[in-house]
C-alpha cells in the first residue's frame, strides 16, 4: 500500500500552538523550527497524549536557539509515532519567534 505523505507549516507564538493533530496512526518524519528573530529565543515542543489528557511528553523543553538559526528535532531515519487524537504542540519564549515545518506519514499501513 502506498503511503500518504503530508506537511504543514506554523508560526510558533509565546502561547501553546498546535502544529499537528493526528487523525490516525501517523509517523512524524521531519520537524524543523527556525528562529526568525534577531535575538536568541527559547523553544519547547511536546506531544499531548489523547489517551491521557493530562500527559504532556516533551521532545525538548526551553532549549535556546540562536538568532537566524534552526533546530531539527526529527531527521534522517528517525521517526516519532503518534496515534489518533495526539497533538504536537510548541511554544516560543517570545511572540512569533519561530517558524515550524512538520512532515508526516499519514495512516501508517501495517
N, C-alpha and C. Protein backbone atom coordinates (compact mmCIF):
# COMPACT_ATOMS: atom_id res chain seq x y z
N UNK A 1 0.84 -1.17 0.00
CA UNK A 1 0.00 0.00 0.00
C UNK A 1 0.89 1.24 0.00
N UNK A 2 0.52 2.22 -0.79
CA UNK A 2 1.28 3.47 -0.86
C UNK A 2 1.06 4.27 0.42
N UNK A 3 2.07 5.04 0.79
CA UNK A 3 1.98 5.88 1.97
C UNK A 3 1.55 7.29 1.57
N UNK A 4 0.84 7.95 2.47
CA UNK A 4 0.35 9.31 2.25
C UNK A 4 1.22 10.26 3.05
N UNK A 5 2.10 11.00 2.35
CA UNK A 5 2.96 11.98 3.00
C UNK A 5 2.25 13.32 3.06
N UNK A 6 2.33 13.99 4.21
CA UNK A 6 1.72 15.30 4.38
C UNK A 6 2.72 16.22 5.06
N UNK A 7 2.47 17.52 4.94
CA UNK A 7 3.30 18.51 5.62
C UNK A 7 2.45 19.70 6.02
N UNK A 8 2.99 20.47 6.95
CA UNK A 8 2.24 21.61 7.46
C UNK A 8 3.23 22.60 8.07
N UNK A 9 2.98 23.88 7.86
CA UNK A 9 3.79 24.93 8.46
C UNK A 9 2.99 25.74 9.45
N UNK A 10 3.66 26.23 10.48
CA UNK A 10 3.01 27.06 11.50
C UNK A 10 3.97 28.12 12.00
N UNK A 11 3.43 29.24 12.45
CA UNK A 11 4.18 30.26 13.18
C UNK A 11 3.99 29.94 14.66
N UNK A 12 5.09 29.85 15.39
CA UNK A 12 5.04 29.49 16.81
C UNK A 12 5.09 30.76 17.65
N UNK A 13 4.12 30.88 18.56
CA UNK A 13 3.99 32.08 19.38
C UNK A 13 4.39 31.78 20.83
N UNK A 14 4.17 32.76 21.69
CA UNK A 14 4.50 32.58 23.10
C UNK A 14 3.33 32.00 23.89
N UNK A 15 2.37 31.42 23.19
CA UNK A 15 1.34 30.59 23.83
C UNK A 15 1.34 29.25 23.10
N UNK A 16 0.84 28.23 23.73
CA UNK A 16 0.89 26.88 23.15
C UNK A 16 0.22 26.88 21.76
N UNK A 17 0.96 26.43 20.77
CA UNK A 17 0.49 26.38 19.39
C UNK A 17 0.42 24.93 18.95
N UNK A 18 -0.75 24.49 18.47
CA UNK A 18 -0.88 23.14 17.95
C UNK A 18 -0.35 23.11 16.52
N UNK A 19 0.64 22.26 16.29
CA UNK A 19 1.26 22.12 14.98
C UNK A 19 0.53 21.06 14.16
N UNK A 20 0.14 19.98 14.84
CA UNK A 20 -0.50 18.86 14.13
C UNK A 20 -1.33 18.05 15.11
N UNK A 21 -2.51 17.63 14.66
CA UNK A 21 -3.35 16.71 15.42
C UNK A 21 -3.51 15.45 14.58
N UNK A 22 -3.13 14.33 15.13
CA UNK A 22 -3.18 13.06 14.40
C UNK A 22 -4.62 12.59 14.21
N UNK A 23 -4.91 12.12 12.99
CA UNK A 23 -6.24 11.58 12.72
C UNK A 23 -6.21 10.07 12.50
N UNK A 24 -5.04 9.47 12.74
CA UNK A 24 -4.85 8.02 12.60
C UNK A 24 -3.50 7.69 13.24
N UNK A 25 -3.01 6.50 13.02
CA UNK A 25 -1.65 6.18 13.47
C UNK A 25 -0.69 6.78 12.44
N UNK A 26 0.02 7.82 12.85
CA UNK A 26 0.89 8.59 11.95
C UNK A 26 2.33 8.54 12.44
N UNK A 27 3.26 8.84 11.54
CA UNK A 27 4.67 8.94 11.90
C UNK A 27 5.19 10.31 11.49
N UNK A 28 5.78 11.01 12.44
CA UNK A 28 6.45 12.28 12.14
C UNK A 28 7.84 11.93 11.65
N UNK A 29 8.17 12.37 10.44
CA UNK A 29 9.47 12.03 9.85
C UNK A 29 10.36 13.26 9.71
N UNK A 30 9.82 14.44 9.98
CA UNK A 30 10.61 15.66 9.95
C UNK A 30 9.94 16.72 10.80
N UNK A 31 10.75 17.45 11.60
CA UNK A 31 10.22 18.51 12.45
C UNK A 31 11.31 19.55 12.65
N UNK A 32 11.17 20.68 11.95
CA UNK A 32 12.20 21.74 11.97
C UNK A 32 11.60 23.05 12.43
N UNK A 33 12.38 23.78 13.25
CA UNK A 33 11.99 25.10 13.75
C UNK A 33 13.10 26.09 13.40
N UNK A 34 12.71 27.25 12.88
CA UNK A 34 13.66 28.31 12.56
C UNK A 34 13.37 29.52 13.43
N UNK A 35 14.39 30.00 14.14
CA UNK A 35 14.28 31.23 14.92
C UNK A 35 14.30 32.38 13.92
N UNK A 36 13.20 33.12 13.81
CA UNK A 36 13.11 34.18 12.82
C UNK A 36 13.39 35.56 13.44
N UNK A 37 13.85 35.56 14.67
CA UNK A 37 14.15 36.81 15.38
C UNK A 37 15.62 37.19 15.21
N UNK A 38 15.97 38.37 15.69
CA UNK A 38 17.36 38.81 15.68
C UNK A 38 18.03 38.58 17.04
N UNK A 39 17.33 37.88 17.93
CA UNK A 39 17.86 37.55 19.25
C UNK A 39 17.63 36.07 19.53
N UNK A 40 18.36 35.53 20.49
CA UNK A 40 18.17 34.15 20.93
C UNK A 40 16.78 34.02 21.54
N UNK A 41 16.13 32.90 21.28
CA UNK A 41 14.81 32.64 21.83
C UNK A 41 14.77 31.21 22.34
N UNK A 42 13.82 30.92 23.22
CA UNK A 42 13.66 29.57 23.74
C UNK A 42 12.48 28.88 23.07
N UNK A 43 12.54 27.56 23.04
CA UNK A 43 11.53 26.76 22.38
C UNK A 43 11.26 25.50 23.18
N UNK A 44 9.98 25.19 23.34
CA UNK A 44 9.56 23.91 23.92
C UNK A 44 8.63 23.23 22.92
N UNK A 45 8.78 21.91 22.79
CA UNK A 45 7.94 21.12 21.88
C UNK A 45 7.52 19.87 22.64
N UNK A 46 6.23 19.55 22.57
CA UNK A 46 5.73 18.40 23.29
C UNK A 46 4.58 17.74 22.54
N UNK A 47 4.25 16.53 23.00
CA UNK A 47 3.10 15.80 22.47
C UNK A 47 2.12 15.62 23.61
N UNK A 48 0.86 15.96 23.35
CA UNK A 48 -0.21 15.72 24.30
C UNK A 48 -0.87 14.40 23.92
N UNK A 49 -0.90 13.47 24.84
CA UNK A 49 -1.42 12.13 24.61
C UNK A 49 -2.95 12.15 24.67
N UNK A 50 -3.60 11.75 23.59
CA UNK A 50 -5.06 11.74 23.53
C UNK A 50 -5.68 10.77 24.53
N UNK A 51 -4.94 9.72 24.89
CA UNK A 51 -5.46 8.73 25.84
C UNK A 51 -5.40 9.22 27.28
N UNK A 52 -4.56 10.22 27.53
CA UNK A 52 -4.39 10.77 28.87
C UNK A 52 -4.20 12.27 28.72
N UNK A 53 -5.28 13.03 28.80
CA UNK A 53 -5.24 14.47 28.51
C UNK A 53 -4.31 15.24 29.44
N UNK A 54 -3.94 14.66 30.57
CA UNK A 54 -3.01 15.31 31.48
C UNK A 54 -1.55 15.01 31.12
N UNK A 55 -1.34 14.07 30.20
CA UNK A 55 0.03 13.64 29.86
C UNK A 55 0.63 14.57 28.82
N UNK A 56 1.72 15.21 29.20
CA UNK A 56 2.50 16.04 28.28
C UNK A 56 3.88 15.41 28.20
N UNK A 57 4.29 15.04 27.00
CA UNK A 57 5.59 14.39 26.79
C UNK A 57 6.47 15.33 25.95
N UNK A 58 7.48 15.88 26.58
CA UNK A 58 8.33 16.86 25.91
C UNK A 58 9.33 16.18 24.98
N UNK A 59 9.46 16.74 23.79
CA UNK A 59 10.56 16.37 22.88
C UNK A 59 11.77 17.24 23.20
N UNK A 60 11.52 18.53 23.49
CA UNK A 60 12.53 19.45 24.03
C UNK A 60 11.82 20.43 24.95
N UNK A 61 12.55 20.98 25.89
CA UNK A 61 11.95 21.95 26.81
C UNK A 61 12.91 23.09 27.05
N UNK A 62 12.44 24.29 26.73
CA UNK A 62 13.17 25.54 26.97
C UNK A 62 14.59 25.53 26.39
N UNK A 63 14.75 24.96 25.20
CA UNK A 63 16.05 24.97 24.54
C UNK A 63 16.29 26.36 23.93
N UNK A 64 17.52 26.86 24.05
CA UNK A 64 17.88 28.16 23.46
C UNK A 64 18.31 27.97 22.02
N UNK A 65 17.74 28.78 21.14
CA UNK A 65 18.08 28.72 19.72
C UNK A 65 18.60 30.10 19.31
N UNK A 66 19.84 30.18 18.81
CA UNK A 66 20.42 31.47 18.41
C UNK A 66 19.61 32.14 17.29
N UNK A 67 19.77 33.45 17.14
CA UNK A 67 19.05 34.16 16.09
C UNK A 67 19.42 33.62 14.70
N UNK A 68 18.45 33.64 13.81
CA UNK A 68 18.64 33.22 12.42
C UNK A 68 19.21 31.80 12.32
N UNK A 69 18.85 30.94 13.27
CA UNK A 69 19.29 29.55 13.28
C UNK A 69 18.07 28.64 13.31
N UNK A 70 18.32 27.36 13.06
CA UNK A 70 17.21 26.41 13.12
C UNK A 70 17.63 25.19 13.93
N UNK A 71 16.61 24.43 14.33
CA UNK A 71 16.83 23.19 15.05
C UNK A 71 15.91 22.15 14.44
N UNK A 72 16.46 21.00 14.13
CA UNK A 72 15.67 19.91 13.55
C UNK A 72 15.57 18.81 14.60
N UNK A 73 14.34 18.54 15.03
CA UNK A 73 14.14 17.57 16.10
C UNK A 73 14.05 16.15 15.61
N UNK A 74 13.52 15.95 14.42
CA UNK A 74 13.37 14.62 13.85
C UNK A 74 13.95 14.67 12.45
N UNK A 75 14.96 13.84 12.22
CA UNK A 75 15.65 13.91 10.94
C UNK A 75 16.22 12.55 10.56
N UNK A 76 16.67 12.44 9.33
CA UNK A 76 17.28 11.20 8.87
C UNK A 76 16.29 10.05 8.94
N UNK A 77 16.70 8.97 9.57
CA UNK A 77 15.82 7.79 9.67
C UNK A 77 15.01 7.79 10.96
N UNK A 78 15.09 8.86 11.74
CA UNK A 78 14.31 8.95 12.98
C UNK A 78 12.83 9.15 12.67
N UNK A 79 11.99 8.66 13.56
CA UNK A 79 10.54 8.82 13.45
C UNK A 79 9.95 8.89 14.85
N UNK A 80 8.84 9.61 14.97
CA UNK A 80 8.06 9.61 16.19
C UNK A 80 6.65 9.20 15.79
N UNK A 81 6.15 8.14 16.40
CA UNK A 81 4.82 7.63 16.07
C UNK A 81 3.82 8.27 17.03
N UNK A 82 2.73 8.77 16.45
CA UNK A 82 1.65 9.32 17.24
C UNK A 82 0.35 8.65 16.82
N UNK A 83 -0.62 8.64 17.74
CA UNK A 83 -1.88 7.95 17.49
C UNK A 83 -3.03 8.94 17.41
N UNK A 84 -4.17 8.45 16.98
CA UNK A 84 -5.36 9.29 16.78
C UNK A 84 -5.61 10.21 17.96
N UNK A 85 -5.72 11.50 17.67
CA UNK A 85 -6.01 12.50 18.69
C UNK A 85 -4.81 13.09 19.39
N UNK A 86 -3.63 12.48 19.25
CA UNK A 86 -2.42 13.06 19.83
C UNK A 86 -2.13 14.40 19.15
N UNK A 87 -1.64 15.37 19.93
CA UNK A 87 -1.33 16.70 19.38
C UNK A 87 0.14 17.01 19.56
N UNK A 88 0.76 17.51 18.51
CA UNK A 88 2.13 18.02 18.57
C UNK A 88 1.99 19.52 18.79
N UNK A 89 2.61 20.02 19.87
CA UNK A 89 2.45 21.43 20.23
C UNK A 89 3.82 22.05 20.50
N UNK A 90 3.88 23.37 20.38
CA UNK A 90 5.13 24.09 20.63
C UNK A 90 4.83 25.46 21.21
N UNK A 91 5.85 26.02 21.87
CA UNK A 91 5.72 27.36 22.43
C UNK A 91 7.07 28.04 22.40
N UNK A 92 7.05 29.28 21.97
CA UNK A 92 8.24 30.12 21.91
C UNK A 92 8.31 30.98 23.16
N UNK A 93 9.51 31.42 23.51
CA UNK A 93 9.66 32.33 24.63
C UNK A 93 9.24 33.75 24.28
N UNK A 94 9.11 34.03 23.00
CA UNK A 94 8.77 35.37 22.50
C UNK A 94 7.65 35.24 21.48
N UNK A 95 6.81 36.24 21.40
CA UNK A 95 5.72 36.22 20.42
C UNK A 95 6.28 36.07 19.00
N UNK A 96 5.74 35.12 18.25
CA UNK A 96 6.10 34.91 16.85
C UNK A 96 7.60 34.70 16.65
N UNK A 97 8.20 33.87 17.51
CA UNK A 97 9.65 33.67 17.47
C UNK A 97 10.14 32.63 16.49
N UNK A 98 9.28 31.68 16.11
CA UNK A 98 9.74 30.57 15.28
C UNK A 98 8.76 30.28 14.15
N UNK A 99 9.30 29.81 13.05
CA UNK A 99 8.52 29.16 12.02
C UNK A 99 8.79 27.67 12.14
N UNK A 100 7.76 26.86 11.88
CA UNK A 100 7.88 25.42 12.01
C UNK A 100 7.43 24.75 10.73
N UNK A 101 8.06 23.62 10.40
CA UNK A 101 7.62 22.77 9.31
C UNK A 101 7.66 21.33 9.79
N UNK A 102 6.51 20.64 9.64
CA UNK A 102 6.40 19.25 10.06
C UNK A 102 6.08 18.39 8.84
N UNK A 103 6.70 17.22 8.77
CA UNK A 103 6.43 16.25 7.70
C UNK A 103 5.96 14.96 8.35
N UNK A 104 4.87 14.41 7.80
CA UNK A 104 4.20 13.28 8.42
C UNK A 104 3.90 12.21 7.38
N UNK A 105 3.98 10.94 7.79
CA UNK A 105 3.40 9.85 7.02
C UNK A 105 2.06 9.58 7.67
N UNK A 106 0.98 9.81 6.93
CA UNK A 106 -0.37 9.67 7.47
C UNK A 106 -0.86 8.24 7.28
N UNK A 107 -1.58 7.76 8.28
CA UNK A 107 -2.21 6.44 8.22
C UNK A 107 -1.20 5.35 7.84
N UNK A 108 -0.28 5.09 8.76
CA UNK A 108 0.75 4.09 8.54
C UNK A 108 0.09 2.73 8.25
N UNK A 109 0.53 2.08 7.19
CA UNK A 109 -0.03 0.76 6.87
C UNK A 109 0.77 -0.31 7.60
N UNK A 110 0.11 -1.39 7.92
CA UNK A 110 0.78 -2.48 8.63
C UNK A 110 0.94 -3.69 7.73
